[in-house]
Structures are given as C-alpha cells and as structure tokens.
Amino acid sequence: MAAAWAQWEHVTKVDPDKPLHNGDSYADIADTGTDALILGGTTNVTESSVRSILDALVSVEIPVFVEPTYHPTKFQHDALTGYLIPVVLNAGDRTWVTGAHHEWVRSTETIDWELVHTEAYIILNSESAVATYTQADCNLDANDVAAYAILAEQILGQEIIYLEYSGTLGDSAVVAATRDALSSAQLFYGGGIHDYESAYQMASVTDTVIVGDVLHDAGIEAVKETVRGAT
C-alpha cells in the first residue's frame, strides 16, 4: 500500500500560532487544490490550539496531519489522518534529534503508532526561528545536504526527507542534488513559496512543495496560485 504522501505535489502548512488572512476559514484551505494539510509551527503550539483547528476541519476530504512541537496525548479525532514527527538531522540541540521524542515515549502511556510517522528534517536557513530554536548547523553545501538525505533514507529508514528553508526561497541546485541522491524517499521542500513562479521553480526539483507563510500573509487566493504552479 502506497504511503499517504506518495502522490502529494502541494501541501499547505497551517501554523496554529498565526491567524488566517482576512475572511479566510480553515475549511476553505482544502478547496484550494492542495493535496494535504499539515498543522504545525515552531513555537507556541499547544494540543488545544491544534484540536480547535481540527474541529474546524472535520468536513474536509483531504488528509490532515499534525506536525507537533508538543507531546501529543490524544489520538482520536475525526479530522486527523496522522502525526508527522520531525527528526532534525542537523540540529545542534539533541532535543530535536531524539530528546523530545524520548521524553514523549516515556511520559505518554498509550501512543497509537499506526498514526505516527517521522520526517527527516534538514534546516537550511540560518536566519530562521527554527534554526535558532534547534541550534541547527546550516553551513552545508550540496554534498553535505545530499549526504544527510542518503543517511536518513538508507541508514535511518526515513520515508520523508524535508528540506526546510523557512521563509527564504532555497537553492534549487541543492534541492535537485538531494532528490537525485534519493532512491525512494519522498522529498519535501518548504521555504519562500509565495506565487506561481516560485512554486513552479521548486516543483521542478522536488517531489512535494510545502507552502505556509503565504497562507497567513496573503490568503487563500495566493495559495491557489502556488497550487497551480506546483501541479
């Protein structure tokens, strides 16, 4: 059976710590043509804030995943497809490699592992909040990034590799080299996608384009433009 993300070309990430653009609703995002929704952000994300958004998404027909920066305790919700747990390969703070994950396993009595999947993150914008938060080493060239991706796929058995440029349009040559290095893992790309052209550019070198800031900053119509560019 193919993984849920195997056919994703475009995904919209919703930050529970940020308001939507004027007049937009969470359910409207599913009508943009995006293949899936991911709920997640770097800071100030709580289980209650995520569940309130899930409540607003119970009628949507596309997959809805949560990318938690908290420790999930409740796994049942009609809108929830599953959890995507980040493992930050180039984090300087081991909390984001195994530390938070270890604490979650120790402190949570029952985890529904059928709903839990991991993503091998490589953070590449040193100026971003997530780079600061994880103390990521972003001084990487194309060979470094590709090697991390191969390590993730071949040694750690990861099915998703996520290149996170976080607010800045990345180096398409680095992204292309990373995809070429992979055998079967899905390559996610996020960062700086804000219109048709940027979505089209990055879609040509990755498997899945992730948009986030454009949803909160410019709204639904702008997200639709990125969908057209990515697909």
Protein backbone atom coordinates (compact mmCIF):
# COMPACT_ATOMS: atom_id res chain seq x y z
CA MET A 1 0.00 0.00 0.00
CA ALA A 2 1.41 3.38 -1.01
CA ALA A 3 2.11 5.91 1.72
CA ALA A 4 -0.40 8.72 2.13
CA TRP A 5 2.14 11.28 0.91
CA ALA A 6 3.36 9.36 -2.15
CA GLN A 7 1.27 11.42 -4.59
CA TRP A 8 1.43 14.79 -2.86
CA GLU A 9 2.62 17.60 -5.13
CA HIS A 10 1.47 20.51 -2.97
CA VAL A 11 0.85 20.71 0.76
CA THR A 12 -0.31 23.66 2.85
CA LYS A 13 1.09 24.07 6.34
CA VAL A 14 -1.12 25.86 8.86
CA ASP A 15 0.58 27.48 11.86
CA PRO A 16 -1.77 27.33 14.87
CA ASP A 17 0.08 30.32 16.35
CA LYS A 18 -0.78 32.59 13.39
CA PRO A 19 -4.17 33.99 12.35
CA LEU A 20 -5.57 33.31 8.91
CA HIS A 21 -5.78 36.10 6.36
CA ASN A 22 -8.85 38.34 6.39
CA GLY A 23 -12.08 36.39 5.90
CA ASP A 24 -10.44 33.01 5.25
CA SER A 25 -11.56 29.88 7.05
CA TYR A 26 -9.69 26.66 7.75
CA ALA A 27 -12.16 24.63 5.70
CA ASP A 28 -11.57 26.96 2.71
CA ILE A 29 -7.93 25.85 2.53
CA ALA A 30 -8.99 22.37 1.48
CA ASP A 31 -10.70 23.85 -1.59
CA THR A 32 -7.52 25.40 -3.00
CA GLY A 33 -6.46 22.18 -4.71
CA THR A 34 -3.73 21.44 -2.19
CA ASP A 35 -3.17 17.73 -1.63
CA ALA A 36 -2.98 17.78 2.17
CA LEU A 37 -2.84 19.99 5.23
CA ILE A 38 -0.18 19.92 7.92
CA LEU A 39 -0.82 21.72 11.20
CA GLY A 40 2.38 22.81 12.88
CA GLY A 41 4.68 25.65 13.88
CA THR A 42 7.94 26.31 15.67
CA THR A 43 6.72 27.96 18.88
CA ASN A 44 3.59 28.46 20.99
CA VAL A 45 1.77 25.45 19.51
CA THR A 46 -0.38 23.56 22.01
CA GLU A 47 -2.54 20.49 21.80
CA SER A 48 -5.64 22.57 22.50
CA SER A 49 -4.88 25.07 19.70
CA VAL A 50 -4.33 22.22 17.25
CA ARG A 51 -7.53 20.46 18.24
CA SER A 52 -9.56 23.62 17.77
CA ILE A 53 -8.35 23.75 14.16
CA LEU A 54 -9.07 20.03 13.72
CA ASP A 55 -12.62 20.78 14.89
CA ALA A 56 -12.93 23.25 12.01
CA LEU A 57 -11.65 20.66 9.52
CA VAL A 58 -13.96 17.73 10.25
CA SER A 59 -15.74 18.10 6.91
CA VAL A 60 -12.69 18.32 4.62
CA GLU A 61 -11.87 15.40 2.34
CA ILE A 62 -8.09 15.76 2.04
CA PRO A 63 -5.59 14.29 4.54
CA VAL A 64 -4.87 16.35 7.65
CA PHE A 65 -1.65 15.67 9.52
CA VAL A 66 -0.27 17.29 12.66
CA GLU A 67 3.42 18.12 12.95
CA PRO A 68 3.69 18.61 16.71
CA THR A 69 6.20 20.64 18.68
CA TYR A 70 4.39 19.42 21.80
CA HIS A 71 3.83 15.89 23.12
CA PRO A 72 0.55 14.56 21.69
CA THR A 73 -1.61 12.70 24.19
CA LYS A 74 -4.95 12.43 22.34
CA PHE A 75 -5.00 10.48 19.09
CA GLN A 76 -8.68 10.28 18.23
CA HIS A 77 -10.23 12.99 16.10
CA ASP A 78 -12.45 12.70 13.04
CA ALA A 79 -10.32 15.16 11.06
CA LEU A 80 -6.94 13.65 11.95
CA THR A 81 -5.12 11.44 9.45
CA GLY A 82 -1.92 11.12 11.48
CA TYR A 83 1.14 12.76 13.01
CA LEU A 84 4.38 13.69 11.25
CA ILE A 85 7.16 13.79 13.85
CA PRO A 86 10.22 15.88 12.88
CA VAL A 87 13.71 14.46 13.45
CA VAL A 88 16.11 17.34 12.78
CA LEU A 89 19.25 15.75 11.39
CA ASN A 90 21.46 18.85 11.58
CA ALA A 91 20.22 20.12 14.95
CA GLY A 92 22.88 21.15 17.42
CA ASP A 93 20.44 20.62 20.27
CA ARG A 94 19.85 16.87 20.51
CA THR A 95 16.37 17.60 21.90
CA TRP A 96 15.26 17.77 18.28
CA VAL A 97 17.08 14.61 17.20
CA THR A 98 15.93 12.16 19.90
CA GLY A 99 15.49 14.10 23.13
CA ALA A 100 11.90 15.31 22.81
CA HIS A 101 10.93 12.01 21.21
CA HIS A 102 12.42 10.02 24.10
CA GLU A 103 10.59 12.20 26.64
CA TRP A 104 7.32 11.77 24.74
CA VAL A 105 7.61 7.98 24.71
CA ARG A 106 8.49 7.88 28.41
CA SER A 107 5.73 10.26 29.50
CA THR A 108 2.82 9.06 27.35
CA GLU A 109 1.05 5.89 28.43
CA THR A 110 -0.58 4.99 25.12
CA ILE A 111 0.70 6.05 21.72
CA ASP A 112 -1.22 4.99 18.64
CA TRP A 113 1.77 4.08 16.48
CA GLU A 114 -0.46 3.45 13.47
CA LEU A 115 -0.90 7.23 13.28
CA VAL A 116 2.73 8.19 13.82
CA HIS A 117 5.22 8.79 11.00
CA THR A 118 8.58 10.57 11.03
CA GLU A 119 10.18 13.19 8.80
CA ALA A 120 13.93 13.67 8.49
CA TYR A 121 14.35 17.44 8.58
CA ILE A 122 17.37 19.33 7.23
CA ILE A 123 17.17 23.02 8.18
CA LEU A 124 18.95 25.31 5.73
CA ASN A 125 18.12 28.93 6.63
CA SER A 126 20.43 30.02 9.45
CA GLU A 127 18.39 33.20 10.00
CA SER A 128 15.15 31.36 10.68
CA ALA A 129 13.47 30.89 14.03
CA VAL A 130 13.58 27.12 13.66
CA ALA A 131 17.34 27.20 13.06
CA THR A 132 17.83 29.23 16.23
CA TYR A 133 15.41 27.07 18.18
CA THR A 134 17.14 23.82 17.21
CA GLN A 135 20.68 25.27 17.04
CA ALA A 136 20.93 23.87 13.53
CA ASP A 137 24.19 23.82 11.61
CA CYS A 138 23.11 25.36 8.32
CA ASN A 139 26.61 25.78 6.90
CA LEU A 140 26.09 22.95 4.44
CA ASP A 141 26.88 22.59 0.76
CA ALA A 142 25.01 20.42 -1.74
CA ASN A 143 27.14 17.38 -0.96
CA ASP A 144 26.51 17.78 2.77
CA VAL A 145 22.76 18.03 2.27
CA ALA A 146 22.67 15.05 -0.10
CA ALA A 147 24.71 13.01 2.38
CA TYR A 148 22.24 13.80 5.16
CA ALA A 149 19.41 12.71 2.87
CA ILE A 150 21.14 9.43 2.00
CA LEU A 151 21.87 8.81 5.69
CA ALA A 152 18.21 9.41 6.51
CA GLU A 153 16.93 7.08 3.79
CA GLN A 154 19.49 4.29 3.83
CA ILE A 155 20.57 4.16 7.49
CA LEU A 156 17.60 5.56 9.40
CA GLY A 157 14.95 4.18 7.04
CA GLN A 158 13.14 7.50 6.65
CA GLU A 159 10.43 7.76 4.01
CA ILE A 160 10.22 11.57 4.08
CA ILE A 161 13.16 13.96 3.74
CA TYR A 162 12.21 17.59 4.42
CA LEU A 163 14.42 20.47 3.24
CA GLU A 164 13.36 23.49 5.31
CA TYR A 165 14.45 26.92 4.09
CA SER A 166 11.81 28.54 6.31
CA GLY A 167 10.70 31.81 4.70
CA THR A 168 13.52 32.04 2.14
CA LEU A 169 13.48 30.57 -1.36
CA GLY A 170 16.14 27.89 -1.38
CA ASP A 171 18.91 26.93 -3.77
CA SER A 172 17.26 24.86 -6.49
CA ALA A 173 20.58 23.17 -7.33
CA VAL A 174 20.89 21.90 -3.75
CA VAL A 175 17.30 20.66 -3.80
CA ALA A 176 17.79 18.91 -7.14
CA ALA A 177 21.01 17.25 -5.96
CA THR A 178 19.19 15.98 -2.89
CA ARG A 179 16.35 14.48 -4.90
CA ASP A 180 18.83 12.84 -7.26
CA ALA A 181 20.55 11.23 -4.26
CA LEU A 182 17.38 9.52 -3.06
CA SER A 183 16.15 6.11 -4.15
CA SER A 184 12.54 6.04 -2.98
CA ALA A 185 12.05 8.52 -0.12
CA GLN A 186 9.73 11.46 -0.77
CA LEU A 187 11.47 14.85 -0.84
CA PHE A 188 9.53 17.69 0.76
CA TYR A 189 10.63 21.28 0.16
CA GLY A 190 9.49 24.28 2.21
CA GLY A 191 10.55 27.92 2.12
CA GLY A 192 9.76 31.10 0.23
CA ILE A 193 6.97 29.75 -1.99
CA HIS A 194 4.69 32.76 -2.46
CA ASP A 195 3.41 32.74 -6.06
CA TYR A 196 3.03 30.70 -9.24
CA GLU A 197 6.63 31.22 -10.38
CA SER A 198 8.31 30.21 -7.12
CA ALA A 199 6.07 27.16 -6.80
CA TYR A 200 6.78 26.14 -10.40
CA GLN A 201 10.53 26.59 -9.92
CA MET A 202 10.77 24.43 -6.82
CA ALA A 203 8.26 21.83 -8.01
CA SER A 204 10.65 21.03 -10.86
CA VAL A 205 13.37 19.89 -8.42
CA THR A 206 11.41 18.31 -5.55
CA ASP A 207 8.59 15.82 -5.06
CA THR A 208 6.37 17.90 -2.79
CA VAL A 209 6.17 21.67 -2.35
CA ILE A 210 5.12 22.94 1.08
CA VAL A 211 3.64 26.43 1.48
CA GLY A 212 2.98 28.10 4.81
CA ASP A 213 3.64 31.82 5.26
CA VAL A 214 1.76 32.72 2.09
CA LEU A 215 -1.45 31.32 3.61
CA HIS A 216 -1.25 33.58 6.65
CA ASP A 217 0.25 36.62 4.90
CA ALA A 218 -1.64 36.71 1.61
CA GLY A 219 -4.54 34.25 1.94
CA ILE A 220 -6.43 31.60 0.05
CA GLU A 221 -6.18 33.10 -3.43
CA ALA A 222 -2.40 33.28 -3.17
CA VAL A 223 -2.30 29.64 -2.07
CA LYS A 224 -4.33 28.71 -5.17
CA GLU A 225 -1.65 30.35 -7.33
CA THR A 226 1.03 28.21 -5.70
CA VAL A 227 -1.07 25.10 -6.29
CA ARG A 228 -1.26 25.95 -9.99
CA GLY A 229 2.50 26.45 -10.08
CA ALA A 230 3.27 23.20 -8.29
CA THR A 231 0.94 21.00 -10.27
